[in-house]
PDB file of all heavy atoms in Angstrom:
ATOM      1  N   LYS A   1      72.416  87.481  95.727  1.00  0.00           N
ATOM      2  CA  LYS A   1      73.591  87.220  96.564  1.00  0.00           C
ATOM      3  C   LYS A   1      74.781  86.789  95.733  1.00  0.00           C
ATOM      4  O   LYS A   1      75.923  87.238  95.944  1.00  0.00           O
ATOM      5  CB  LYS A   1      73.255  86.148  97.620  1.00  0.00           C
ATOM      6  CG  LYS A   1      72.386  86.644  98.740  1.00  0.00           C
ATOM      7  CD  LYS A   1      72.076  85.564  99.742  1.00  0.00           C
ATOM      8  CE  LYS A   1      71.085  86.031 100.804  1.00  0.00           C
ATOM      9  NZ  LYS A   1      70.743  84.983 101.726  1.00  0.00           N
ATOM     10  N   ASP A   2      74.554  85.893  94.759  1.00  0.00           N
ATOM     11  CA  ASP A   2      75.623  85.415  93.861  1.00  0.00           C
ATOM     12  C   ASP A   2      76.203  86.610  93.090  1.00  0.00           C
ATOM     13  O   ASP A   2      77.438  86.707  92.945  1.00  0.00           O
ATOM     14  CB  ASP A   2      75.119  84.341  92.896  1.00  0.00           C
ATOM     15  CG  ASP A   2      74.902  82.995  93.592  1.00  0.00           C
ATOM     16  OD1 ASP A   2      75.411  82.801  94.707  1.00  0.00           O
ATOM     17  OD2 ASP A   2      74.237  82.108  92.970  1.00  0.00           O
ATOM     18  N   ALA A   3      75.336  87.439  92.566  1.00  0.00           N
ATOM     19  CA  ALA A   3      75.807  88.614  91.811  1.00  0.00           C
ATOM     20  C   ALA A   3      76.625  89.552  92.671  1.00  0.00           C
ATOM     21  O   ALA A   3      77.686  90.041  92.283  1.00  0.00           O
ATOM     22  CB  ALA A   3      74.597  89.362  91.160  1.00  0.00           C
ATOM     23  N   GLU A   4      76.143  89.721  93.935  1.00  0.00           N
ATOM     24  CA  GLU A   4      76.884  90.597  94.838  1.00  0.00           C
ATOM     25  C   GLU A   4      78.212  89.983  95.170  1.00  0.00           C
ATOM     26  O   GLU A   4      79.254  90.689  95.252  1.00  0.00           O
ATOM     27  CB  GLU A   4      76.051  90.825  96.113  1.00  0.00           C
ATOM     28  CG  GLU A   4      74.859  91.725  95.935  1.00  0.00           C
ATOM     29  CD  GLU A   4      73.973  91.803  97.178  1.00  0.00           C
ATOM     30  OE1 GLU A   4      74.256  91.068  98.162  1.00  0.00           O
ATOM     31  OE2 GLU A   4      73.014  92.580  97.164  1.00  0.00           O
ATOM     32  N   LYS A   5      78.210  88.679  95.353  1.00  0.00           N
ATOM     33  CA  LYS A   5      79.481  87.980  95.665  1.00  0.00           C
ATOM     34  C   LYS A   5      80.452  88.090  94.490  1.00  0.00           C
ATOM     35  O   LYS A   5      81.666  88.367  94.671  1.00  0.00           O
ATOM     36  CB  LYS A   5      79.153  86.507  95.974  1.00  0.00           C
ATOM     37  CG  LYS A   5      80.305  85.721  96.525  1.00  0.00           C
ATOM     38  CD  LYS A   5      79.872  84.326  96.901  1.00  0.00           C
ATOM     39  CE  LYS A   5      81.000  83.539  97.500  1.00  0.00           C
ATOM     40  NZ  LYS A   5      80.562  82.186  97.864  1.00  0.00           N
ATOM     41  N   THR A   6      79.976  87.919  93.268  1.00  0.00           N
ATOM     42  CA  THR A   6      80.807  88.054  92.060  1.00  0.00           C
ATOM     43  C   THR A   6      81.348  89.469  91.935  1.00  0.00           C
ATOM     44  O   THR A   6      82.511  89.669  91.629  1.00  0.00           O
ATOM     45  CB  THR A   6      79.985  87.654  90.807  1.00  0.00           C
ATOM     46  OG1 THR A   6      79.499  86.342  90.994  1.00  0.00           O
ATOM     47  CG2 THR A   6      80.825  87.732  89.563  1.00  0.00           C
ATOM     48  N   VAL A   7      80.489  90.444  92.179  1.00  0.00           N
ATOM     49  CA  VAL A   7      80.905  91.868  92.108  1.00  0.00           C
ATOM     50  C   VAL A   7      81.987  92.111  93.169  1.00  0.00           C
ATOM     51  O   VAL A   7      83.011  92.770  92.830  1.00  0.00           O
ATOM     52  CB  VAL A   7      79.716  92.813  92.272  1.00  0.00           C
ATOM     53  CG1 VAL A   7      80.169  94.235  92.519  1.00  0.00           C
ATOM     54  CG2 VAL A   7      78.766  92.755  91.082  1.00  0.00           C
ATOM     55  N   LYS A   8      81.783  91.553  94.370  1.00  0.00           N
ATOM     56  CA  LYS A   8      82.765  91.741  95.434  1.00  0.00           C
ATOM     57  C   LYS A   8      84.132  91.102  95.058  1.00  0.00           C
ATOM     58  O   LYS A   8      85.176  91.744  95.225  1.00  0.00           O
ATOM     59  CB  LYS A   8      82.242  91.170  96.738  1.00  0.00           C
ATOM     60  CG  LYS A   8      83.058  91.511  97.934  1.00  0.00           C
ATOM     61  CD  LYS A   8      82.423  91.075  99.225  1.00  0.00           C
ATOM     62  CE  LYS A   8      83.253  91.495 100.385  1.00  0.00           C
ATOM     63  NZ  LYS A   8      82.694  91.140 101.689  1.00  0.00           N
ATOM     64  N   ILE A   9      84.074  89.903  94.517  1.00  0.00           N
ATOM     65  CA  ILE A   9      85.329  89.203  94.086  1.00  0.00           C
ATOM     66  C   ILE A   9      86.004  90.025  92.997  1.00  0.00           C
ATOM     67  O   ILE A   9      87.215  90.212  92.996  1.00  0.00           O
ATOM     68  CB  ILE A   9      85.011  87.778  93.618  1.00  0.00           C
ATOM     69  CG1 ILE A   9      84.592  86.896  94.809  1.00  0.00           C
ATOM     70  CG2 ILE A   9      86.212  87.178  92.880  1.00  0.00           C
ATOM     71  CD1 ILE A   9      84.073  85.530  94.439  1.00  0.00           C
ATOM     72  N   ALA A  10      85.210  90.495  91.995  1.00  0.00           N
ATOM     73  CA  ALA A  10      85.762  91.307  90.911  1.00  0.00           C
ATOM     74  C   ALA A  10      86.402  92.551  91.458  1.00  0.00           C
ATOM     75  O   ALA A  10      87.479  92.966  91.036  1.00  0.00           O
ATOM     76  CB  ALA A  10      84.647  91.637  89.874  1.00  0.00           C
ATOM     77  N   GLU A  11      85.708  93.200  92.436  1.00  0.00           N
ATOM     78  CA  GLU A  11      86.297  94.409  93.032  1.00  0.00           C
ATOM     79  C   GLU A  11      87.588  94.138  93.750  1.00  0.00           C
ATOM     80  O   GLU A  11      88.552  94.911  93.666  1.00  0.00           O
ATOM     81  CB  GLU A  11      85.271  95.053  94.024  1.00  0.00           C
ATOM     82  CG  GLU A  11      84.108  95.741  93.339  1.00  0.00           C
ATOM     83  CD  GLU A  11      83.069  96.235  94.356  1.00  0.00           C
ATOM     84  OE1 GLU A  11      83.113  95.829  95.552  1.00  0.00           O
ATOM     85  OE2 GLU A  11      82.216  97.030  93.943  1.00  0.00           O
ATOM     86  N   GLU A  12      87.666  92.979  94.466  1.00  0.00           N
ATOM     87  CA  GLU A  12      88.907  92.614  95.129  1.00  0.00           C
ATOM     88  C   GLU A  12      90.012  92.339  94.134  1.00  0.00           C
ATOM     89  O   GLU A  12      91.157  92.803  94.316  1.00  0.00           O
ATOM     90  CB  GLU A  12      88.661  91.359  95.989  1.00  0.00           C
ATOM     91  CG  GLU A  12      87.823  91.585  97.238  1.00  0.00           C
ATOM     92  CD  GLU A  12      87.431  90.288  97.963  1.00  0.00           C
ATOM     93  OE1 GLU A  12      87.891  89.210  97.552  1.00  0.00           O
ATOM     94  OE2 GLU A  12      86.714  90.375  98.965  1.00  0.00           O
ATOM     95  N   LYS A  13      89.692  91.648  93.040  1.00  0.00           N
ATOM     96  CA  LYS A  13      90.708  91.368  92.012  1.00  0.00           C
ATOM     97  C   LYS A  13      91.181  92.656  91.363  1.00  0.00           C
ATOM     98  O   LYS A  13      92.362  92.814  91.088  1.00  0.00           O
ATOM     99  CB  LYS A  13      90.157  90.379  90.964  1.00  0.00           C
ATOM    100  CG  LYS A  13      89.904  89.025  91.577  1.00  0.00           C
ATOM    101  CD  LYS A  13      90.139  87.917  90.594  1.00  0.00           C
ATOM    102  CE  LYS A  13      89.794  86.584  91.244  1.00  0.00           C
ATOM    103  NZ  LYS A  13      90.882  85.698  91.340  1.00  0.00           N
ATOM    104  N   ILE A  14      90.233  93.569  91.098  1.00  0.00           N
ATOM    105  CA  ILE A  14      90.624  94.858  90.497  1.00  0.00           C
ATOM    106  C   ILE A  14      91.524  95.647  91.464  1.00  0.00           C
ATOM    107  O   ILE A  14      92.490  96.198  91.089  1.00  0.00           O
ATOM    108  CB  ILE A  14      89.350  95.669  90.130  1.00  0.00           C
ATOM    109  CG1 ILE A  14      88.659  95.038  88.940  1.00  0.00           C
ATOM    110  CG2 ILE A  14      89.712  97.134  89.849  1.00  0.00           C
ATOM    111  CD1 ILE A  14      87.276  95.627  88.608  1.00  0.00           C
ATOM    112  N   GLY A  15      91.176  95.567  92.779  1.00  0.00           N
ATOM    113  CA  GLY A  15      91.987  96.226  93.772  1.00  0.00           C
ATOM    114  C   GLY A  15      93.393  95.624  93.809  1.00  0.00           C
ATOM    115  O   GLY A  15      94.389  96.364  93.881  1.00  0.00           O
ATOM    116  N   GLU A  16      93.471  94.270  93.791  1.00  0.00           N
ATOM    117  CA  GLU A  16      94.758  93.604  93.804  1.00  0.00           C
ATOM    118  C   GLU A  16      95.580  93.979  92.548  1.00  0.00           C
ATOM    119  O   GLU A  16      96.758  94.278  92.638  1.00  0.00           O
ATOM    120  CB  GLU A  16      94.596  92.060  93.862  1.00  0.00           C
ATOM    121  CG  GLU A  16      94.058  91.553  95.167  1.00  0.00           C
ATOM    122  CD  GLU A  16      93.712  90.064  95.105  1.00  0.00           C
ATOM    123  OE1 GLU A  16      94.041  89.402  94.112  1.00  0.00           O
ATOM    124  OE2 GLU A  16      93.080  89.576  96.100  1.00  0.00           O
ATOM    125  N   ALA A  17      94.914  93.989  91.401  1.00  0.00           N
ATOM    126  CA  ALA A  17      95.578  94.334  90.145  1.00  0.00           C
ATOM    127  C   ALA A  17      96.054  95.768  90.204  1.00  0.00           C
ATOM    128  O   ALA A  17      97.201  96.101  89.751  1.00  0.00           O
ATOM    129  CB  ALA A  17      94.656  94.160  88.929  1.00  0.00           C
ATOM    130  N   ALA A  18      95.245  96.661  90.776  1.00  0.00           N
ATOM    131  CA  ALA A  18      95.660  98.075  90.901  1.00  0.00           C
ATOM    132  C   ALA A  18      96.815  98.195  91.841  1.00  0.00           C
ATOM    133  O   ALA A  18      97.785  98.960  91.542  1.00  0.00           O
ATOM    134  CB  ALA A  18      94.470  98.900  91.420  1.00  0.00           C
ATOM    135  N   ASN A  19      96.843  97.464  92.904  1.00  0.00           N
ATOM    136  CA  ASN A  19      97.961  97.446  93.861  1.00  0.00           C
ATOM    137  C   ASN A  19      99.227  96.944  93.180  1.00  0.00           C
ATOM    138  O   ASN A  19     100.325  97.569  93.307  1.00  0.00           O
ATOM    139  CB  ASN A  19      97.676  96.641  95.135  1.00  0.00           C
ATOM    140  CG  ASN A  19      96.654  97.332  96.007  1.00  0.00           C
ATOM    141  OD1 ASN A  19      96.451  98.516  95.936  1.00  0.00           O
ATOM    142  ND2 ASN A  19      96.015  96.522  96.885  1.00  0.00           N
ATOM    143  N   LYS A  20      99.078  95.866  92.428  1.00  0.00           N
ATOM    144  CA  LYS A  20     100.225  95.285  91.737  1.00  0.00           C
ATOM    145  C   LYS A  20     100.777  96.257  90.685  1.00  0.00           C
ATOM    146  O   LYS A  20     101.968  96.461  90.542  1.00  0.00           O
ATOM    147  CB  LYS A  20      99.827  93.968  91.074  1.00  0.00           C
ATOM    148  CG  LYS A  20     101.010  93.052  90.761  1.00  0.00           C
ATOM    149  CD  LYS A  20     100.548  91.683  90.426  1.00  0.00           C
ATOM    150  CE  LYS A  20     101.611  90.753  91.015  1.00  0.00           C
ATOM    151  NZ  LYS A  20     101.206  89.370  91.092  1.00  0.00           N
ATOM    152  N   ALA A  21      99.850  96.874  89.941  1.00  0.00           N
ATOM    153  CA  ALA A  21     100.237  97.886  88.950  1.00  0.00           C
ATOM    154  C   ALA A  21     100.959  99.055  89.642  1.00  0.00           C
ATOM    155  O   ALA A  21     101.946  99.568  89.118  1.00  0.00           O
ATOM    156  CB  ALA A  21      99.039  98.400  88.138  1.00  0.00           C
ATOM    157  N   GLY A  22     100.428  99.459  90.782  1.00  0.00           N
ATOM    158  CA  GLY A  22     101.112 100.526  91.544  1.00  0.00           C
ATOM    159  C   GLY A  22     102.504 100.128  91.973  1.00  0.00           C
ATOM    160  O   GLY A  22     103.451 100.926  91.909  1.00  0.00           O
ATOM    161  N   GLU A  23     102.639  98.895  92.451  1.00  0.00           N
ATOM    162  CA  GLU A  23     103.947  98.388  92.838  1.00  0.00           C
ATOM    163  C   GLU A  23     104.917  98.377  91.653  1.00  0.00           C
ATOM    164  O   GLU A  23     106.081  98.823  91.768  1.00  0.00           O
ATOM    165  CB  GLU A  23     103.866  96.967  93.422  1.00  0.00           C
ATOM    166  CG  GLU A  23     103.199  96.890  94.787  1.00  0.00           C
ATOM    167  CD  GLU A  23     102.993  95.446  95.230  1.00  0.00           C
ATOM    168  OE1 GLU A  23     103.676  94.561  94.734  1.00  0.00           O
ATOM    169  OE2 GLU A  23     102.103  95.236  96.104  1.00  0.00           O
ATOM    170  N   LEU A  24     104.430  97.843  90.482  1.00  0.00           N
ATOM    171  CA  LEU A  24     105.248  97.798  89.304  1.00  0.00           C
ATOM    172  C   LEU A  24     105.661  99.207  88.846  1.00  0.00           C
ATOM    173  O   LEU A  24     106.804  99.465  88.470  1.00  0.00           O
ATOM    174  CB  LEU A  24     104.570  97.041  88.196  1.00  0.00           C
ATOM    175  CG  LEU A  24     104.374  95.552  88.434  1.00  0.00           C
ATOM    176  CD1 LEU A  24     103.517  94.913  87.296  1.00  0.00           C
ATOM    177  CD2 LEU A  24     105.723  94.843  88.488  1.00  0.00           C
ATOM    178  N   ALA A  25     104.707 100.104  88.905  1.00  0.00           N
ATOM    179  CA  ALA A  25     104.998 101.488  88.498  1.00  0.00           C
ATOM    180  C   ALA A  25     106.044 102.091  89.472  1.00  0.00           C
ATOM    181  O   ALA A  25     106.978 102.782  89.043  1.00  0.00           O
ATOM    182  CB  ALA A  25     103.748 102.356  88.519  1.00  0.00           C
ATOM    183  N   GLY A  26     105.880 101.783  90.778  1.00  0.00           N
ATOM    184  CA  GLY A  26     106.898 102.263  91.748  1.00  0.00           C
ATOM    185  C   GLY A  26     108.267 101.715  91.470  1.00  0.00           C
ATOM    186  O   GLY A  26     109.257 102.417  91.513  1.00  0.00           O
ATOM    187  N   LYS A  27     108.289 100.395  91.125  1.00  0.00           N
ATOM    188  CA  LYS A  27     109.595  99.760  90.823  1.00  0.00           C
ATOM    189  C   LYS A  27     110.173 100.363  89.568  1.00  0.00           C
ATOM    190  O   LYS A  27     111.373 100.645  89.521  1.00  0.00           O
ATOM    191  CB  LYS A  27     109.391  98.220  90.635  1.00  0.00           C
ATOM    192  CG  LYS A  27     109.197  97.523  91.969  1.00  0.00           C
ATOM    193  CD  LYS A  27     109.019  96.034  91.727  1.00  0.00           C
ATOM    194  CE  LYS A  27     108.741  95.298  93.043  1.00  0.00           C
ATOM    195  NZ  LYS A  27     108.533  93.893  92.853  1.00  0.00           N
ATOM    196  N   ALA A  28     109.376 100.618  88.531  1.00  0.00           N
ATOM    197  CA  ALA A  28     109.813 101.216  87.302  1.00  0.00           C
ATOM    198  C   ALA A  28     110.355 102.594  87.564  1.00  0.00           C
ATOM    199  O   ALA A  28     111.393 102.977  87.053  1.00  0.00           O
ATOM    200  CB  ALA A  28     108.687 101.251  86.259  1.00  0.00           C
ATOM    201  N   GLU A  29     109.656 103.348  88.426  1.00  0.00           N
ATOM    202  CA  GLU A  29     110.115 104.710  88.774  1.00  0.00           C
ATOM    203  C   GLU A  29     111.443 104.636  89.498  1.00  0.00           C
ATOM    204  O   GLU A  29     112.354 105.417  89.240  1.00  0.00           O
ATOM    205  CB  GLU A  29     109.051 105.411  89.604  1.00  0.00           C
ATOM    206  CG  GLU A  29     109.400 106.876  89.906  1.00  0.00           C
ATOM    207  CD  GLU A  29     108.314 107.583  90.715  1.00  0.00           C
ATOM    208  OE1 GLU A  29     107.242 106.997  90.912  1.00  0.00           O
ATOM    209  OE2 GLU A  29     108.607 108.706  91.135  1.00  0.00           O
ATOM    210  N   ASP A  30     111.572 103.637  90.412  1.00  0.00           N
ATOM    211  CA  ASP A  30     112.840 103.481  91.136  1.00  0.00           C
ATOM    212  C   ASP A  30     113.952 103.169  90.160  1.00  0.00           C
ATOM    213  O   ASP A  30     115.079 103.743  90.290  1.00  0.00           O
ATOM    214  CB  ASP A  30     112.739 102.328  92.173  1.00  0.00           C
ATOM    215  CG  ASP A  30     111.788 102.728  93.341  1.00  0.00           C
ATOM    216  OD1 ASP A  30     111.473 103.919  93.487  1.00  0.00           O
ATOM    217  OD2 ASP A  30     111.395 101.800  94.093  1.00  0.00           O
ATOM    218  N   LYS A  31     113.725 102.273  89.209  1.00  0.00           N
ATOM    219  CA  LYS A  31     114.736 101.910  88.194  1.00  0.00           C
ATOM    220  C   LYS A  31     115.114 103.108  87.365  1.00  0.00           C
ATOM    221  O   LYS A  31     116.286 103.352  87.090  1.00  0.00           O
ATOM    222  CB  LYS A  31     114.251 100.782  87.314  1.00  0.00           C
ATOM    223  CG  LYS A  31     114.144  99.443  88.008  1.00  0.00           C
ATOM    224  CD  LYS A  31     115.475  98.868  88.384  1.00  0.00           C
ATOM    225  CE  LYS A  31     115.329  97.536  88.978  1.00  0.00           C
ATOM    226  NZ  LYS A  31     116.545  96.953  89.514  1.00  0.00           N
ATOM    227  N   ALA A  32     114.095 103.905  86.949  1.00  0.00           N
ATOM    228  CA  ALA A  32     114.359 105.102  86.182  1.00  0.00           C
ATOM    229  C   ALA A  32     115.208 106.085  86.981  1.00  0.00           C
ATOM    230  O   ALA A  32     116.141 106.686  86.447  1.00  0.00           O
ATOM    231  CB  ALA A  32     113.032 105.732  85.742  1.00  0.00           C
ATOM    232  N   ASN A  33     114.868 106.229  88.295  1.00  0.00           N
ATOM    233  CA  ASN A  33     115.662 107.148  89.147  1.00  0.00           C
ATOM    234  C   ASN A  33     117.074 106.636  89.258  1.00  0.00           C
ATOM    235  O   ASN A  33     118.045 107.444  89.266  1.00  0.00           O
ATOM    236  CB  ASN A  33     114.976 107.303  90.497  1.00  0.00           C
ATOM    237  CG  ASN A  33     113.728 108.127  90.421  1.00  0.00           C
ATOM    238  OD1 ASN A  33     113.525 108.900  89.466  1.00  0.00           O
ATOM    239  ND2 ASN A  33     112.846 107.958  91.366  1.00  0.00           N
ATOM    240  N   GLU A  34     117.256 105.310  89.440  1.00  0.00           N
ATOM    241  CA  GLU A  34     118.617 104.723  89.552  1.00  0.00           C
ATOM    242  C   GLU A  34     119.390 105.007  88.276  1.00  0.00           C
ATOM    243  O   GLU A  34     120.558 105.398  88.330  1.00  0.00           O
ATOM    244  CB  GLU A  34     118.544 103.233  89.771  1.00  0.00           C
ATOM    245  CG  GLU A  34     118.125 102.842  91.183  1.00  0.00           C
ATOM    246  CD  GLU A  34     117.972 101.307  91.327  1.00  0.00           C
ATOM    247  OE1 GLU A  34     118.634 100.576  90.564  1.00  0.00           O
ATOM    248  OE2 GLU A  34     117.176 100.869  92.163  1.00  0.00           O
ATOM    249  N   ALA A  35     118.746 104.771  87.128  1.00  0.00           N
ATOM    250  CA  ALA A  35     119.394 105.009  85.825  1.00  0.00           C
ATOM    251  C   ALA A  35     119.812 106.474  85.712  1.00  0.00           C
ATOM    252  O   ALA A  35     120.890 106.793  85.289  1.00  0.00           O
ATOM    253  CB  ALA A  35     118.503 104.577  84.695  1.00  0.00           C
ATOM    254  N   ALA A  36     118.881 107.354  86.062  1.00  0.00           N
ATOM    255  CA  ALA A  36     119.181 108.781  85.961  1.00  0.00           C
ATOM    256  C   ALA A  36     120.326 109.181  86.878  1.00  0.00           C
ATOM    257  O   ALA A  36     121.218 109.937  86.482  1.00  0.00           O
ATOM    258  CB  ALA A  36     117.919 109.598  86.336  1.00  0.00           C
ATOM    259  N   GLN A  37     120.358 108.612  88.061  1.00  0.00           N
ATOM    260  CA  GLN A  37     121.482 108.889  89.004  1.00  0.00           C
ATOM    261  C   GLN A  37     122.772 108.348  88.463  1.00  0.00           C
ATOM    262  O   GLN A  37     123.780 109.030  88.551  1.00  0.00           O
ATOM    263  CB  GLN A  37     121.128 108.252  90.379  1.00  0.00           C
ATOM    264  CG  GLN A  37     122.207 108.579  91.426  1.00  0.00           C
ATOM    265  CD  GLN A  37     121.851 108.040  92.793  1.00  0.00           C
ATOM    266  OE1 GLN A  37     120.817 107.425  92.951  1.00  0.00           O
ATOM    267  NE2 GLN A  37     122.740 108.242  93.741  1.00  0.00           N
ATOM    268  N   MET A  38     122.709 107.139  87.859  1.00  0.00           N
ATOM    269  CA  MET A  38     123.926 106.570  87.320  1.00  0.00           C
ATOM    270  C   MET A  38     124.476 107.438  86.174  1.00  0.00           C
ATOM    271  O   MET A  38     125.654 107.697  86.047  1.00  0.00           O
ATOM    272  CB  MET A  38     123.627 105.158  86.762  1.00  0.00           C
ATOM    273  CG  MET A  38     124.877 104.360  86.447  1.00  0.00           C
ATOM    274  SD  MET A  38     124.598 102.696  85.795  1.00  0.00           S
ATOM    275  CE  MET A  38     123.228 102.114  86.730  1.00  0.00           C
TER     276      MET A  38
END
């Protein structure tokens, strides 16, 4: 149960990190598009 709980927490943290990375990538893409438009 402890191992399953740790795996579940790790999966949640990986999911959060992936979401955050996706957000940052989206922001970077937005900034690049703004710069290109400018």
